[in-house]
C-alpha atoms as a PDB file:
ATOM      1  CA  MET A   1      78.406  82.373 112.325  1.00  0.00           C
ATOM      2  CA  THR A   2      76.206  84.082 109.719  1.00  0.00           C
ATOM      3  CA  ILE A   3      75.795  87.508 108.194  1.00  0.00           C
ATOM      4  CA  ASP A   4      72.893  88.021 110.594  1.00  0.00           C
ATOM      5  CA  ASP A   5      75.646  88.925 113.063  1.00  0.00           C
ATOM      6  CA  LYS A   6      76.345  92.608 112.225  1.00  0.00           C
ATOM      7  CA  ASP A   7      79.443  92.603 114.472  1.00  0.00           C
ATOM      8  CA  MET A   8      80.894  89.731 112.443  1.00  0.00           C
ATOM      9  CA  ILE A   9      80.558  91.517 109.079  1.00  0.00           C
ATOM     10  CA  ASN A  10      81.993  94.712 110.579  1.00  0.00           C
ATOM     11  CA  SER A  11      84.929  92.714 111.957  1.00  0.00           C
ATOM     12  CA  ILE A  12      85.590  91.168 108.536  1.00  0.00           C
ATOM     13  CA  LEU A  13      85.436  94.559 106.802  1.00  0.00           C
ATOM     14  CA  GLU A  14      87.685  96.094 109.436  1.00  0.00           C
ATOM     15  CA  SER A  15      90.281  93.362 108.877  1.00  0.00           C
ATOM     16  CA  VAL A  16      90.030  93.852 105.094  1.00  0.00           C
ATOM     17  CA  SER A  17      90.609  97.592 105.531  1.00  0.00           C
ATOM     18  CA  ARG A  18      93.961  96.770 107.193  1.00  0.00           C
ATOM     19  CA  ILE A  19      95.199  95.061 104.010  1.00  0.00           C
ATOM     20  CA  ASP A  20      97.718  97.376 102.480  1.00  0.00           C
ATOM     21  CA  TYR A  21     100.343  97.231  99.812  1.00  0.00           C
ATOM     22  CA  ILE A  22     104.039  97.728 100.335  1.00  0.00           C
ATOM     23  CA  LYS A  23     105.162 101.219  99.467  1.00  0.00           C
ATOM     24  CA  PRO A  24     108.648 101.779  97.997  1.00  0.00           C
ATOM     25  CA  GLU A  25     109.663 103.843 101.006  1.00  0.00           C
ATOM     26  CA  ASP A  26     108.789 100.893 103.285  1.00  0.00           C
ATOM     27  CA  ILE A  27     111.298  98.613 101.557  1.00  0.00           C
ATOM     28  CA  PRO A  28     114.836  98.682 102.970  1.00  0.00           C
ATOM     29  CA  ASN A  29     117.302 100.654 100.883  1.00  0.00           C
ATOM     30  CA  ILE A  30     119.672  97.707 100.817  1.00  0.00           C
ATOM     31  CA  ASP A  31     119.526  94.624  98.653  1.00  0.00           C
ATOM     32  CA  LEU A  32     118.151  91.575 100.453  1.00  0.00           C
ATOM     33  CA  TYR A  33     118.998  87.879 100.487  1.00  0.00           C
ATOM     34  CA  MET A  34     116.242  85.336  99.875  1.00  0.00           C
ATOM     35  CA  ASP A  35     115.530  84.662 103.577  1.00  0.00           C
ATOM     36  CA  GLN A  36     115.206  88.378 104.201  1.00  0.00           C
ATOM     37  CA  VAL A  37     112.857  88.746 101.218  1.00  0.00           C
ATOM     38  CA  THR A  38     110.493  85.978 102.343  1.00  0.00           C
ATOM     39  CA  THR A  39     110.520  87.135 105.969  1.00  0.00           C
ATOM     40  CA  TYR A  40     109.822  90.720 104.950  1.00  0.00           C
ATOM     41  CA  LEU A  41     106.995  89.880 102.508  1.00  0.00           C
ATOM     42  CA  ASN A  42     105.338  87.350 104.810  1.00  0.00           C
ATOM     43  CA  ASP A  43     105.398  89.899 107.612  1.00  0.00           C
ATOM     44  CA  LYS A  44     103.995  92.691 105.441  1.00  0.00           C
ATOM     45  CA  PHE A  45     101.194  90.529 104.019  1.00  0.00           C
ATOM     46  CA  ALA A  46     100.311  88.807 107.308  1.00  0.00           C
ATOM     47  CA  ASN A  47      96.874  90.486 107.313  1.00  0.00           C
ATOM     48  CA  THR A  48      95.934  88.585 104.139  1.00  0.00           C
ATOM     49  CA  LYS A  49      96.356  85.142 105.691  1.00  0.00           C
ATOM     50  CA  ARG A  50      93.269  82.987 105.924  1.00  0.00           C
ATOM     51  CA  HIS A  51      94.912  80.577 108.379  1.00  0.00           C
ATOM     52  CA  GLU A  52      97.715  81.342 110.797  1.00  0.00           C
ATOM     53  CA  ASP A  53     100.098  78.783 109.265  1.00  0.00           C
ATOM     54  CA  ASP A  54      99.564  79.900 105.621  1.00  0.00           C
ATOM     55  CA  LYS A  55     102.747  80.583 103.676  1.00  0.00           C
ATOM     56  CA  LEU A  56     102.300  83.660 101.530  1.00  0.00           C
ATOM     57  CA  MET A  57     105.660  83.800  99.779  1.00  0.00           C
ATOM     58  CA  THR A  58     108.204  80.991  99.899  1.00  0.00           C
ATOM     59  CA  LYS A  59     111.714  80.464  98.540  1.00  0.00           C
ATOM     60  CA  THR A  60     110.342  77.846  96.152  1.00  0.00           C
ATOM     61  CA  MET A  61     107.770  80.283  94.773  1.00  0.00           C
ATOM     62  CA  ILE A  62     110.365  82.992  94.221  1.00  0.00           C
ATOM     63  CA  ASN A  63     112.813  80.540  92.606  1.00  0.00           C
ATOM     64  CA  ASN A  64     110.020  79.397  90.277  1.00  0.00           C
ATOM     65  CA  TYR A  65     109.244  82.999  89.337  1.00  0.00           C
ATOM     66  CA  VAL A  66     112.913  83.498  88.455  1.00  0.00           C
ATOM     67  CA  LYS A  67     113.069  80.236  86.457  1.00  0.00           C
ATOM     68  CA  SER A  68     109.969  81.189  84.495  1.00  0.00           C
ATOM     69  CA  ARG A  69     111.389  84.692  83.917  1.00  0.00           C
ATOM     70  CA  LEU A  70     108.479  86.267  85.689  1.00  0.00           C
ATOM     71  CA  LEU A  71     111.018  87.819  88.047  1.00  0.00           C
ATOM     72  CA  PRO A  72     114.503  88.905  86.889  1.00  0.00           C
ATOM     73  CA  SER A  73     117.376  86.936  88.405  1.00  0.00           C
ATOM     74  CA  PRO A  74     118.804  88.275  91.659  1.00  0.00           C
ATOM     75  CA  GLU A  75     122.100  90.085  91.495  1.00  0.00           C
ATOM     76  CA  LYS A  76     124.752  88.152  93.399  1.00  0.00           C
ATOM     77  CA  LYS A  77     121.949  86.337  95.257  1.00  0.00           C
ATOM     78  CA  LYS A  78     120.488  89.655  96.374  1.00  0.00           C
ATOM     79  CA  TYR A  79     117.118  91.166  95.528  1.00  0.00           C
ATOM     80  CA  THR A  80     116.767  94.875  94.819  1.00  0.00           C
ATOM     81  CA  LYS A  81     113.883  97.220  95.522  1.00  0.00           C
ATOM     82  CA  ASP A  82     112.685  96.627  91.947  1.00  0.00           C
ATOM     83  CA  HIS A  83     112.600  92.880  92.626  1.00  0.00           C
ATOM     84  CA  MET A  84     110.556  93.530  95.751  1.00  0.00           C
ATOM     85  CA  MET A  85     108.025  95.707  93.939  1.00  0.00           C
ATOM     86  CA  VAL A  86     107.607  93.058  91.231  1.00  0.00           C
ATOM     87  CA  LEU A  87     107.021  90.431  93.929  1.00  0.00           C
ATOM     88  CA  VAL A  88     104.300  92.631  95.431  1.00  0.00           C
ATOM     89  CA  MET A  89     102.537  92.772  92.049  1.00  0.00           C
ATOM     90  CA  ILE A  90     102.952  89.016  91.535  1.00  0.00           C
ATOM     91  CA  TYR A  91     101.486  88.391  94.988  1.00  0.00           C
ATOM     92  CA  PHE A  92      98.332  90.355  94.209  1.00  0.00           C
ATOM     93  CA  PHE A  93      97.890  88.981  90.680  1.00  0.00           C
ATOM     94  CA  LYS A  94      98.621  85.309  91.346  1.00  0.00           C
ATOM     95  CA  ASN A  95      95.558  84.937  93.543  1.00  0.00           C
ATOM     96  CA  ILE A  96      93.294  86.061  90.712  1.00  0.00           C
ATOM     97  CA  ILE A  97      94.854  85.135  87.373  1.00  0.00           C
ATOM     98  CA  SER A  98      97.112  82.399  86.009  1.00  0.00           C
ATOM     99  CA  ILE A  99     100.890  82.686  86.173  1.00  0.00           C
ATOM    100  CA  ASN A 100     100.936  82.788  82.353  1.00  0.00           C
ATOM    101  CA  ASP A 101      98.635  85.818  82.465  1.00  0.00           C
ATOM    102  CA  VAL A 102     100.779  87.424  85.170  1.00  0.00           C
ATOM    103  CA  ASN A 103     103.802  86.875  82.924  1.00  0.00           C
ATOM    104  CA  LYS A 104     102.090  88.462  79.923  1.00  0.00           C
ATOM    105  CA  LEU A 105     101.031  91.394  82.050  1.00  0.00           C
ATOM    106  CA  ILE A 106     104.358  92.054  83.770  1.00  0.00           C
ATOM    107  CA  THR A 107     106.917  91.283  81.026  1.00  0.00           C
ATOM    108  CA  PRO A 108     106.521  94.601  79.136  1.00  0.00           C
ATOM    109  CA  LEU A 109     106.775  96.471  82.439  1.00  0.00           C
ATOM    110  CA  LEU A 110     110.037  94.687  83.258  1.00  0.00           C
ATOM    111  CA  ASP A 111     111.424  95.188  79.766  1.00  0.00           C
ATOM    112  CA  SER A 112     110.897  98.937  79.930  1.00  0.00           C
ATOM    113  CA  TYR A 113     111.320  99.884  83.566  1.00  0.00           C
ATOM    114  CA  PHE A 114     113.282  97.302  85.568  1.00  0.00           C
ATOM    115  CA  HIS A 115     116.340  99.191  86.882  1.00  0.00           C
ATOM    116  CA  ASN A 116     115.383 102.199  84.780  1.00  0.00           C
ATOM    117  CA  GLU A 117     116.786 105.235  86.573  1.00  0.00           C
ATOM    118  CA  GLU A 118     114.893 107.764  84.448  1.00  0.00           C
ATOM    119  CA  ILE A 119     111.480 106.241  85.136  1.00  0.00           C
ATOM    120  CA  PRO A 120     111.845 103.972  88.184  1.00  0.00           C
ATOM    121  CA  LEU A 121     109.747 100.821  88.249  1.00  0.00           C
ATOM    122  CA  GLU A 122     108.940 101.421  91.910  1.00  0.00           C
ATOM    123  CA  ASN A 123     107.232 104.725  90.982  1.00  0.00           C
ATOM    124  CA  ILE A 124     105.083 103.086  88.315  1.00  0.00           C
ATOM    125  CA  ILE A 125     104.013 100.184  90.522  1.00  0.00           C
ATOM    126  CA  ASN A 126     103.393 102.536  93.444  1.00  0.00           C
ATOM    127  CA  THR A 127     101.093 104.610  91.202  1.00  0.00           C
ATOM    128  CA  PHE A 128      99.100 101.492  90.248  1.00  0.00           C
ATOM    129  CA  LEU A 129      98.752 100.337  93.838  1.00  0.00           C
ATOM    130  CA  THR A 130      97.929 103.780  95.256  1.00  0.00           C
ATOM    131  CA  PHE A 131      95.124 104.124  92.717  1.00  0.00           C
ATOM    132  CA  ALA A 132      93.805 100.612  93.448  1.00  0.00           C
ATOM    133  CA  LYS A 133      93.837 101.213  97.215  1.00  0.00           C
ATOM    134  CA  GLN A 134      91.655 104.322  96.792  1.00  0.00           C
ATOM    135  CA  CYS A 135      88.697 102.191  95.680  1.00  0.00           C
ATOM    136  CA  ASN A 136      86.273 101.968  98.585  1.00  0.00           C
ATOM    137  CA  LEU A 137      85.165  98.347  98.496  1.00  0.00           C
ATOM    138  CA  THR A 138      83.850  98.466 102.065  1.00  0.00           C
ATOM    139  CA  ASP A 139      80.808 100.558 101.065  1.00  0.00           C
ATOM    140  CA  THR A 140      80.054  98.240  98.148  1.00  0.00           C
ATOM    141  CA  ILE A 141      80.269  95.143 100.330  1.00  0.00           C
ATOM    142  CA  LEU A 142      78.099  96.733 103.045  1.00  0.00           C
ATOM    143  CA  THR A 143      75.456  97.567 100.419  1.00  0.00           C
ATOM    144  CA  GLU A 144      75.519  93.952  99.187  1.00  0.00           C
ATOM    145  CA  TYR A 145      75.346  92.750 102.800  1.00  0.00           C
ATOM    146  CA  ASN A 146      72.224  94.830 103.441  1.00  0.00           C
ATOM    147  CA  GLU A 147      70.645  93.630 100.194  1.00  0.00           C
ATOM    148  CA  CYS A 148      71.256  89.983 101.150  1.00  0.00           C
ATOM    149  CA  ARG A 149      69.578  90.543 104.516  1.00  0.00           C
ATOM    150  CA  GLU A 150      66.419  91.413 102.555  1.00  0.00           C
ATOM    151  CA  ILE A 151      66.397  88.461 100.112  1.00  0.00           C
ATOM    152  CA  PHE A 152      64.615  86.028 102.425  1.00  0.00           C
ATOM    153  CA  LYS A 153      63.070  88.626 104.761  1.00  0.00           C
ATOM    154  CA  ASP A 154      59.514  87.433 104.181  1.00  0.00           C
ATOM    155  CA  ALA A 155      60.310  83.773 103.522  1.00  0.00           C
ATOM    156  CA  ASP A 156      59.157  81.164 106.005  1.00  0.00           C
ATOM    157  CA  VAL A 157      62.377  79.129 106.145  1.00  0.00           C
ATOM    158  CA  LYS A 158      64.109  77.714 109.207  1.00  0.00           C
ATOM    159  CA  ASP A 159      67.666  78.457 108.062  1.00  0.00           C
ATOM    160  CA  LYS A 160      67.198  82.085 106.993  1.00  0.00           C
ATOM    161  CA  GLU A 161      70.581  83.208 108.371  1.00  0.00           C
ATOM    162  CA  TYR A 162      72.387  80.516 106.394  1.00  0.00           C
ATOM    163  CA  LEU A 163      70.527  81.481 103.197  1.00  0.00           C
ATOM    164  CA  GLU A 164      71.379  85.160 103.729  1.00  0.00           C
ATOM    165  CA  THR A 165      75.058  84.259 104.177  1.00  0.00           C
ATOM    166  CA  MET A 166      74.928  82.059 101.081  1.00  0.00           C
ATOM    167  CA  GLY A 167      73.318  84.948  99.193  1.00  0.00           C
ATOM    168  CA  LEU A 168      76.155  87.307 100.113  1.00  0.00           C
ATOM    169  CA  ILE A 169      78.790  84.709  99.210  1.00  0.00           C
ATOM    170  CA  THR A 170      77.043  84.144  95.865  1.00  0.00           C
ATOM    171  CA  MET A 171      76.856  87.881  95.163  1.00  0.00           C
ATOM    172  CA  LEU A 172      80.538  88.428  96.036  1.00  0.00           C
ATOM    173  CA  SER A 173      81.583  85.346  94.042  1.00  0.00           C
ATOM    174  CA  TYR A 174      79.619  86.429  90.975  1.00  0.00           C
ATOM    175  CA  ASP A 175      81.174  89.900  91.209  1.00  0.00           C
ATOM    176  CA  THR A 176      84.649  88.343  91.391  1.00  0.00           C
ATOM    177  CA  PHE A 177      83.817  85.943  88.541  1.00  0.00           C
ATOM    178  CA  VAL A 178      82.730  88.786  86.226  1.00  0.00           C
ATOM    179  CA  ARG A 179      85.739  90.944  87.147  1.00  0.00           C
ATOM    180  CA  LYS A 180      88.062  87.995  86.451  1.00  0.00           C
ATOM    181  CA  ILE A 181      86.548  87.600  82.966  1.00  0.00           C
ATOM    182  CA  VAL A 182      87.072  91.325  82.303  1.00  0.00           C
ATOM    183  CA  ILE A 183      90.686  91.072  83.551  1.00  0.00           C
ATOM    184  CA  GLU A 184      91.385  88.065  81.299  1.00  0.00           C
ATOM    185  CA  LYS A 185      89.879  89.793  78.244  1.00  0.00           C
ATOM    186  CA  LEU A 186      92.018  92.880  78.926  1.00  0.00           C
ATOM    187  CA  ILE A 187      95.124  90.676  79.228  1.00  0.00           C
ATOM    188  CA  ASP A 188      94.186  88.935  75.958  1.00  0.00           C
ATOM    189  CA  SER A 189      94.039  92.356  74.284  1.00  0.00           C
ATOM    190  CA  LEU A 190      97.687  93.073  75.169  1.00  0.00           C
ATOM    191  CA  PRO A 191     100.395  92.412  72.576  1.00  0.00           C
ATOM    192  CA  ASP A 192     101.878  88.917  72.706  1.00  0.00           C
ATOM    193  CA  THR A 193     105.211  89.487  74.468  1.00  0.00           C
ATOM    194  CA  GLU A 194     106.669  86.144  73.368  1.00  0.00           C
ATOM    195  CA  ASN A 195     106.436  87.090  69.707  1.00  0.00           C
ATOM    196  CA  THR A 196     107.582  90.645  70.134  1.00  0.00           C
ATOM    197  CA  GLU A 197     111.263  91.543  70.026  1.00  0.00           C
ATOM    198  CA  LYS A 198     112.438  93.427  73.074  1.00  0.00           C
END
């Protein structure tokens, strides 16, 4: 299938629009055991799966986050709402940046706001995610789609649809590549948490 199929691109964009983040009010008000955490997160992020059998968040992943101090240790083997919100952030970041960068980014947030009753971590993370969700990427992608349909409009090539699809993939990949560089430079500008006393 190629981008020449307008229904296909609309279907992709419609599925992307269903991707949502987990809001604090959606998380149960009770602490959860590991199995409950993975079941809950995998269910909530099901729309982000590429393949039906993809594992989005596993026990091993979460245990590794705890071992690397990316995620505070559970309390009596139970994970709080703050743990859940941190896992949401880790899930989004880990697909774009290295775990070391995620650690550098999240550590100051944990140091200041994890289980902070005056300024709850869930409120801060919810503010970040609400703001991010307001960005209308669908319009941007549709504009790029329409531009790619024009690239080879007058070219006498047999595989025009493939080249148009490749053009869109290249454009989206370049956009992601540049944004990743900007993200990494912003992370590099943050204070080094390992050398800073808490």
